Amino acid sequence: MKMAHTCVRVKDLEASVDFYTKAFDFKESRRRDFPENKFTLVYLTLPNDSYELELTYNYDSEGYDLGNGYGHIAIATDDLEGLHQKHKEAGFNLTDLKNLPGVPPSYYFIVDPDGYKIEVIREK
């Protein structure tokens, strides 16, 4: 077995596609429209990775309550400081670099247009 995809529901499909492609270099791998059921699915992948992020857009939705159960997805990078600086310069909503006790800074969080948190971690 292997992980296939993670779904997030979005209120503005093009804003979300724009965010993920600009912030992380995701590429749209496929798009499936279901107008009779009033939704569109967009699948995004990172270069050299088959795991997909599925953006689900329901035509009649005005957004979603994330509640207190959603945690985050995580994306690893070999240039944590460089990506953090890129995100900061682009004006994205992000935290400062963070660390766990006794270790140097190794992660930060960035927030997408729908309020979903993405943890960006130093690749091991």
N, C-alpha and C. Protein backbone atom coordinates (compact mmCIF):
# COMPACT_ATOMS: atom_id res chain seq x y z
N MET A 1 0.83 -1.18 0.00
CA MET A 1 0.00 0.00 0.00
C MET A 1 0.87 1.24 0.00
N LYS A 2 0.26 2.34 -0.41
CA LYS A 2 0.94 3.63 -0.34
C LYS A 2 -0.12 4.72 -0.22
N MET A 3 0.27 5.85 0.28
CA MET A 3 -0.64 6.99 0.37
C MET A 3 -0.95 7.46 -1.04
N ALA A 4 -2.20 7.84 -1.30
CA ALA A 4 -2.62 8.27 -2.63
C ALA A 4 -2.82 9.78 -2.72
N HIS A 5 -3.66 10.34 -1.84
CA HIS A 5 -3.87 11.78 -1.87
C HIS A 5 -4.48 12.27 -0.56
N THR A 6 -4.43 13.57 -0.39
CA THR A 6 -5.10 14.25 0.70
C THR A 6 -6.06 15.25 0.08
N CYS A 7 -7.29 15.30 0.57
CA CYS A 7 -8.30 16.21 0.05
C CYS A 7 -8.47 17.40 0.99
N VAL A 8 -8.52 18.59 0.40
CA VAL A 8 -8.94 19.78 1.14
C VAL A 8 -10.03 20.44 0.33
N ARG A 9 -11.07 20.89 1.01
CA ARG A 9 -12.19 21.56 0.35
C ARG A 9 -11.89 23.06 0.33
N VAL A 10 -12.08 23.68 -0.83
CA VAL A 10 -11.70 25.07 -1.01
C VAL A 10 -12.89 25.89 -1.48
N LYS A 11 -12.90 27.18 -1.11
CA LYS A 11 -14.01 28.04 -1.51
C LYS A 11 -13.70 28.81 -2.79
N ASP A 12 -12.44 29.01 -3.12
CA ASP A 12 -12.05 29.71 -4.35
C ASP A 12 -10.98 28.85 -5.02
N LEU A 13 -11.40 28.05 -5.99
CA LEU A 13 -10.51 27.06 -6.60
C LEU A 13 -9.28 27.70 -7.22
N GLU A 14 -9.47 28.75 -8.00
CA GLU A 14 -8.31 29.35 -8.68
C GLU A 14 -7.35 30.01 -7.70
N ALA A 15 -7.85 30.61 -6.62
CA ALA A 15 -6.97 31.18 -5.59
C ALA A 15 -6.14 30.09 -4.93
N SER A 16 -6.76 28.94 -4.69
CA SER A 16 -6.03 27.83 -4.06
C SER A 16 -5.00 27.23 -5.00
N VAL A 17 -5.36 27.03 -6.27
CA VAL A 17 -4.40 26.52 -7.26
C VAL A 17 -3.23 27.50 -7.36
N ASP A 18 -3.53 28.79 -7.40
CA ASP A 18 -2.48 29.81 -7.49
C ASP A 18 -1.55 29.75 -6.28
N PHE A 19 -2.12 29.62 -5.08
CA PHE A 19 -1.31 29.55 -3.86
C PHE A 19 -0.36 28.35 -3.90
N TYR A 20 -0.89 27.16 -4.13
CA TYR A 20 -0.06 25.95 -4.07
C TYR A 20 0.98 25.90 -5.18
N THR A 21 0.65 26.44 -6.35
CA THR A 21 1.64 26.43 -7.43
C THR A 21 2.74 27.47 -7.19
N LYS A 22 2.37 28.61 -6.64
CA LYS A 22 3.39 29.65 -6.37
C LYS A 22 4.20 29.37 -5.11
N ALA A 23 3.54 28.90 -4.06
CA ALA A 23 4.24 28.70 -2.79
C ALA A 23 5.13 27.46 -2.81
N PHE A 24 4.70 26.40 -3.49
CA PHE A 24 5.42 25.12 -3.41
C PHE A 24 5.77 24.49 -4.74
N ASP A 25 5.50 25.14 -5.84
CA ASP A 25 5.79 24.59 -7.17
C ASP A 25 4.98 23.34 -7.49
N PHE A 26 3.79 23.21 -6.87
CA PHE A 26 2.88 22.14 -7.27
C PHE A 26 2.52 22.34 -8.74
N LYS A 27 2.25 21.25 -9.43
CA LYS A 27 1.76 21.28 -10.81
C LYS A 27 0.40 20.60 -10.83
N GLU A 28 -0.49 21.15 -11.64
CA GLU A 28 -1.81 20.52 -11.78
C GLU A 28 -1.64 19.26 -12.62
N SER A 29 -1.96 18.11 -12.04
CA SER A 29 -1.81 16.86 -12.78
C SER A 29 -3.09 16.45 -13.49
N ARG A 30 -4.23 16.84 -12.95
CA ARG A 30 -5.49 16.58 -13.64
C ARG A 30 -6.60 17.38 -12.99
N ARG A 31 -7.66 17.58 -13.76
CA ARG A 31 -8.83 18.31 -13.29
C ARG A 31 -10.06 17.56 -13.77
N ARG A 32 -11.00 17.37 -12.87
CA ARG A 32 -12.24 16.65 -13.23
C ARG A 32 -13.43 17.50 -12.81
N ASP A 33 -14.22 17.90 -13.80
CA ASP A 33 -15.42 18.71 -13.55
C ASP A 33 -16.65 17.82 -13.55
N PHE A 34 -17.51 18.05 -12.59
CA PHE A 34 -18.77 17.32 -12.47
C PHE A 34 -19.90 18.34 -12.32
N PRO A 35 -20.23 19.07 -13.41
CA PRO A 35 -21.23 20.13 -13.30
C PRO A 35 -22.61 19.63 -12.86
N GLU A 36 -22.97 18.41 -13.25
CA GLU A 36 -24.27 17.87 -12.84
C GLU A 36 -24.34 17.65 -11.33
N ASN A 37 -23.21 17.44 -10.69
CA ASN A 37 -23.14 17.28 -9.24
C ASN A 37 -22.60 18.52 -8.54
N LYS A 38 -22.26 19.54 -9.34
CA LYS A 38 -21.82 20.84 -8.84
C LYS A 38 -20.52 20.80 -8.04
N PHE A 39 -19.51 20.08 -8.58
CA PHE A 39 -18.20 20.15 -7.96
C PHE A 39 -17.10 19.89 -8.99
N THR A 40 -15.89 20.35 -8.65
CA THR A 40 -14.69 20.16 -9.47
C THR A 40 -13.58 19.65 -8.56
N LEU A 41 -12.81 18.71 -9.07
CA LEU A 41 -11.64 18.20 -8.37
C LEU A 41 -10.39 18.59 -9.15
N VAL A 42 -9.41 19.14 -8.45
CA VAL A 42 -8.12 19.44 -9.06
C VAL A 42 -7.06 18.70 -8.26
N TYR A 43 -6.22 17.95 -8.97
CA TYR A 43 -5.15 17.18 -8.33
C TYR A 43 -3.82 17.87 -8.62
N LEU A 44 -3.06 18.10 -7.56
CA LEU A 44 -1.76 18.76 -7.66
C LEU A 44 -0.67 17.80 -7.19
N THR A 45 0.48 17.84 -7.85
CA THR A 45 1.62 17.03 -7.43
C THR A 45 2.87 17.90 -7.39
N LEU A 46 3.79 17.50 -6.56
CA LEU A 46 5.10 18.13 -6.51
C LEU A 46 6.02 17.44 -7.50
N PRO A 47 7.02 18.14 -8.01
CA PRO A 47 7.97 17.50 -8.92
C PRO A 47 8.57 16.25 -8.28
N ASN A 48 8.69 15.18 -9.04
CA ASN A 48 9.29 13.92 -8.60
C ASN A 48 8.54 13.25 -7.45
N ASP A 49 7.23 13.49 -7.35
CA ASP A 49 6.43 12.89 -6.29
C ASP A 49 5.06 12.54 -6.85
N SER A 50 4.59 11.33 -6.64
CA SER A 50 3.29 10.92 -7.18
C SER A 50 2.15 11.17 -6.21
N TYR A 51 2.44 11.50 -4.95
CA TYR A 51 1.40 11.79 -3.98
C TYR A 51 0.65 13.05 -4.41
N GLU A 52 -0.67 13.04 -4.29
CA GLU A 52 -1.46 14.17 -4.79
C GLU A 52 -2.17 14.92 -3.66
N LEU A 53 -2.27 16.22 -3.88
CA LEU A 53 -3.13 17.06 -3.06
C LEU A 53 -4.38 17.31 -3.89
N GLU A 54 -5.52 16.88 -3.38
CA GLU A 54 -6.78 17.04 -4.11
C GLU A 54 -7.51 18.27 -3.57
N LEU A 55 -7.75 19.23 -4.44
CA LEU A 55 -8.56 20.39 -4.08
C LEU A 55 -9.97 20.12 -4.54
N THR A 56 -10.93 20.13 -3.63
CA THR A 56 -12.32 19.89 -3.97
C THR A 56 -13.07 21.21 -3.86
N TYR A 57 -13.69 21.59 -4.97
CA TYR A 57 -14.45 22.83 -5.03
C TYR A 57 -15.92 22.50 -5.27
N ASN A 58 -16.75 22.77 -4.28
CA ASN A 58 -18.19 22.60 -4.39
C ASN A 58 -18.79 23.93 -4.80
N TYR A 59 -19.48 23.97 -5.94
CA TYR A 59 -19.94 25.22 -6.54
C TYR A 59 -20.76 26.09 -5.60
N ASP A 60 -21.57 25.49 -4.76
CA ASP A 60 -22.49 26.26 -3.93
C ASP A 60 -21.95 26.60 -2.54
N SER A 61 -20.71 26.23 -2.25
CA SER A 61 -20.17 26.46 -0.92
C SER A 61 -19.59 27.86 -0.78
N GLU A 62 -19.78 28.43 0.41
CA GLU A 62 -19.19 29.74 0.71
C GLU A 62 -18.00 29.59 1.65
N GLY A 63 -17.49 28.39 1.79
CA GLY A 63 -16.36 28.14 2.66
C GLY A 63 -16.70 27.06 3.67
N TYR A 64 -15.72 26.70 4.46
CA TYR A 64 -15.87 25.59 5.39
C TYR A 64 -15.36 25.99 6.76
N ASP A 65 -16.00 25.44 7.78
CA ASP A 65 -15.55 25.61 9.15
C ASP A 65 -14.49 24.55 9.40
N LEU A 66 -13.26 24.96 9.63
CA LEU A 66 -12.19 24.00 9.84
C LEU A 66 -12.30 23.32 11.20
N GLY A 67 -13.07 23.88 12.10
CA GLY A 67 -13.26 23.26 13.41
C GLY A 67 -11.97 23.19 14.20
N ASN A 68 -11.96 22.33 15.21
CA ASN A 68 -10.76 22.21 16.04
C ASN A 68 -10.08 20.86 15.86
N GLY A 69 -10.47 20.12 14.82
CA GLY A 69 -9.88 18.81 14.60
C GLY A 69 -8.81 18.77 13.52
N TYR A 70 -8.83 19.75 12.62
CA TYR A 70 -7.85 19.75 11.54
C TYR A 70 -6.48 20.07 12.10
N GLY A 71 -5.48 19.31 11.70
CA GLY A 71 -4.10 19.56 12.11
C GLY A 71 -3.37 20.30 11.01
N HIS A 72 -2.70 19.55 10.16
CA HIS A 72 -1.97 20.16 9.05
C HIS A 72 -1.44 19.07 8.14
N ILE A 73 -1.03 19.50 6.95
CA ILE A 73 -0.21 18.64 6.10
C ILE A 73 1.20 19.16 6.23
N ALA A 74 2.19 18.35 5.85
CA ALA A 74 3.58 18.78 5.95
C ALA A 74 4.27 18.57 4.61
N ILE A 75 5.13 19.53 4.27
CA ILE A 75 5.93 19.46 3.06
C ILE A 75 7.39 19.62 3.47
N ALA A 76 8.25 18.71 3.00
CA ALA A 76 9.67 18.75 3.34
C ALA A 76 10.46 19.46 2.25
N THR A 77 11.48 20.19 2.68
CA THR A 77 12.36 20.90 1.75
C THR A 77 13.80 20.78 2.22
N ASP A 78 14.72 20.78 1.26
CA ASP A 78 16.13 20.75 1.63
C ASP A 78 16.70 22.17 1.82
N ASP A 79 15.86 23.20 1.59
CA ASP A 79 16.28 24.59 1.79
C ASP A 79 15.21 25.32 2.60
N LEU A 80 15.11 24.98 3.88
CA LEU A 80 14.09 25.54 4.75
C LEU A 80 14.19 27.06 4.83
N GLU A 81 15.39 27.57 5.07
CA GLU A 81 15.56 29.02 5.21
C GLU A 81 15.25 29.75 3.90
N GLY A 82 15.68 29.17 2.78
CA GLY A 82 15.42 29.81 1.49
C GLY A 82 13.94 29.85 1.15
N LEU A 83 13.23 28.76 1.40
CA LEU A 83 11.79 28.72 1.12
C LEU A 83 11.04 29.64 2.08
N HIS A 84 11.47 29.69 3.33
CA HIS A 84 10.86 30.60 4.30
C HIS A 84 11.01 32.05 3.82
N GLN A 85 12.19 32.40 3.35
CA GLN A 85 12.43 33.76 2.86
C GLN A 85 11.57 34.05 1.62
N LYS A 86 11.48 33.08 0.71
CA LYS A 86 10.63 33.24 -0.49
C LYS A 86 9.18 33.49 -0.09
N HIS A 87 8.68 32.72 0.87
CA HIS A 87 7.30 32.87 1.33
C HIS A 87 7.08 34.22 2.01
N LYS A 88 8.07 34.64 2.78
CA LYS A 88 7.98 35.93 3.47
C LYS A 88 7.94 37.06 2.45
N GLU A 89 8.84 37.02 1.46
CA GLU A 89 8.90 38.06 0.44
C GLU A 89 7.63 38.10 -0.42
N ALA A 90 6.99 36.95 -0.59
CA ALA A 90 5.76 36.88 -1.39
C ALA A 90 4.54 37.38 -0.61
N GLY A 91 4.72 37.62 0.69
CA GLY A 91 3.63 38.15 1.50
C GLY A 91 2.65 37.11 2.00
N PHE A 92 3.05 35.84 1.99
CA PHE A 92 2.17 34.79 2.50
C PHE A 92 2.05 34.89 4.02
N ASN A 93 0.98 34.34 4.56
CA ASN A 93 0.74 34.29 6.00
C ASN A 93 1.55 33.12 6.57
N LEU A 94 2.61 33.42 7.30
CA LEU A 94 3.48 32.37 7.83
C LEU A 94 4.05 32.75 9.18
N THR A 95 4.55 31.74 9.88
CA THR A 95 5.18 31.96 11.17
C THR A 95 6.68 32.16 10.98
N ASP A 96 7.34 32.56 12.05
CA ASP A 96 8.79 32.56 12.05
C ASP A 96 9.26 31.11 12.06
N LEU A 97 10.54 30.90 11.80
CA LEU A 97 11.12 29.56 11.92
C LEU A 97 10.98 29.11 13.37
N LYS A 98 10.66 27.84 13.57
CA LYS A 98 10.43 27.31 14.91
C LYS A 98 11.35 26.12 15.16
N ASN A 99 11.49 25.78 16.43
CA ASN A 99 12.29 24.61 16.78
C ASN A 99 11.68 23.90 17.97
N LEU A 100 12.00 22.64 18.08
CA LEU A 100 11.65 21.88 19.27
C LEU A 100 12.76 22.08 20.29
N PRO A 101 12.50 21.85 21.57
CA PRO A 101 13.54 22.07 22.58
C PRO A 101 14.83 21.32 22.26
N GLY A 102 15.94 22.04 22.34
CA GLY A 102 17.26 21.44 22.18
C GLY A 102 17.73 21.21 20.76
N VAL A 103 16.96 21.66 19.77
CA VAL A 103 17.37 21.50 18.37
C VAL A 103 17.25 22.84 17.65
N PRO A 104 18.04 23.04 16.59
CA PRO A 104 17.95 24.29 15.85
C PRO A 104 16.61 24.39 15.10
N PRO A 105 16.24 25.58 14.63
CA PRO A 105 14.99 25.74 13.89
C PRO A 105 14.88 24.73 12.74
N SER A 106 13.71 24.08 12.67
CA SER A 106 13.56 23.03 11.66
C SER A 106 12.19 23.03 10.99
N TYR A 107 11.35 24.03 11.28
CA TYR A 107 10.03 24.06 10.65
C TYR A 107 9.38 25.42 10.80
N TYR A 108 8.34 25.64 10.01
CA TYR A 108 7.46 26.79 10.17
C TYR A 108 6.11 26.42 9.57
N PHE A 109 5.12 27.25 9.79
CA PHE A 109 3.79 27.04 9.24
C PHE A 109 3.43 28.17 8.29
N ILE A 110 2.75 27.82 7.21
CA ILE A 110 2.21 28.78 6.25
C ILE A 110 0.73 28.45 6.12
N VAL A 111 -0.09 29.46 5.86
CA VAL A 111 -1.55 29.27 5.82
C VAL A 111 -2.05 29.53 4.41
N ASP A 112 -2.88 28.61 3.90
CA ASP A 112 -3.40 28.76 2.53
C ASP A 112 -4.64 29.67 2.54
N PRO A 113 -5.21 30.00 1.37
CA PRO A 113 -6.34 30.93 1.32
C PRO A 113 -7.57 30.51 2.12
N ASP A 114 -7.72 29.22 2.41
CA ASP A 114 -8.87 28.75 3.18
C ASP A 114 -8.57 28.59 4.66
N GLY A 115 -7.37 28.92 5.08
CA GLY A 115 -7.01 28.81 6.49
C GLY A 115 -6.36 27.50 6.87
N TYR A 116 -6.13 26.62 5.88
CA TYR A 116 -5.43 25.37 6.18
C TYR A 116 -3.97 25.65 6.46
N LYS A 117 -3.45 25.03 7.51
CA LYS A 117 -2.03 25.18 7.84
C LYS A 117 -1.22 24.12 7.13
N ILE A 118 -0.07 24.54 6.62
CA ILE A 118 0.89 23.62 6.02
C ILE A 118 2.18 23.77 6.81
N GLU A 119 2.67 22.67 7.37
CA GLU A 119 3.95 22.69 8.07
C GLU A 119 5.04 22.47 7.05
N VAL A 120 6.01 23.35 7.02
CA VAL A 120 7.16 23.19 6.13
C VAL A 120 8.31 22.76 7.02
N ILE A 121 8.87 21.59 6.70
CA ILE A 121 9.90 21.01 7.57
C ILE A 121 11.21 20.82 6.78
N ARG A 122 12.28 20.82 7.55
CA ARG A 122 13.59 20.55 6.95
C ARG A 122 13.65 19.07 6.57
N GLU A 123 14.02 18.80 5.33
CA GLU A 123 14.13 17.42 4.87
C GLU A 123 15.26 16.74 5.62
N LYS A 124 15.03 15.50 6.05
CA LYS A 124 16.02 14.77 6.82
C LYS A 124 17.09 14.18 5.93
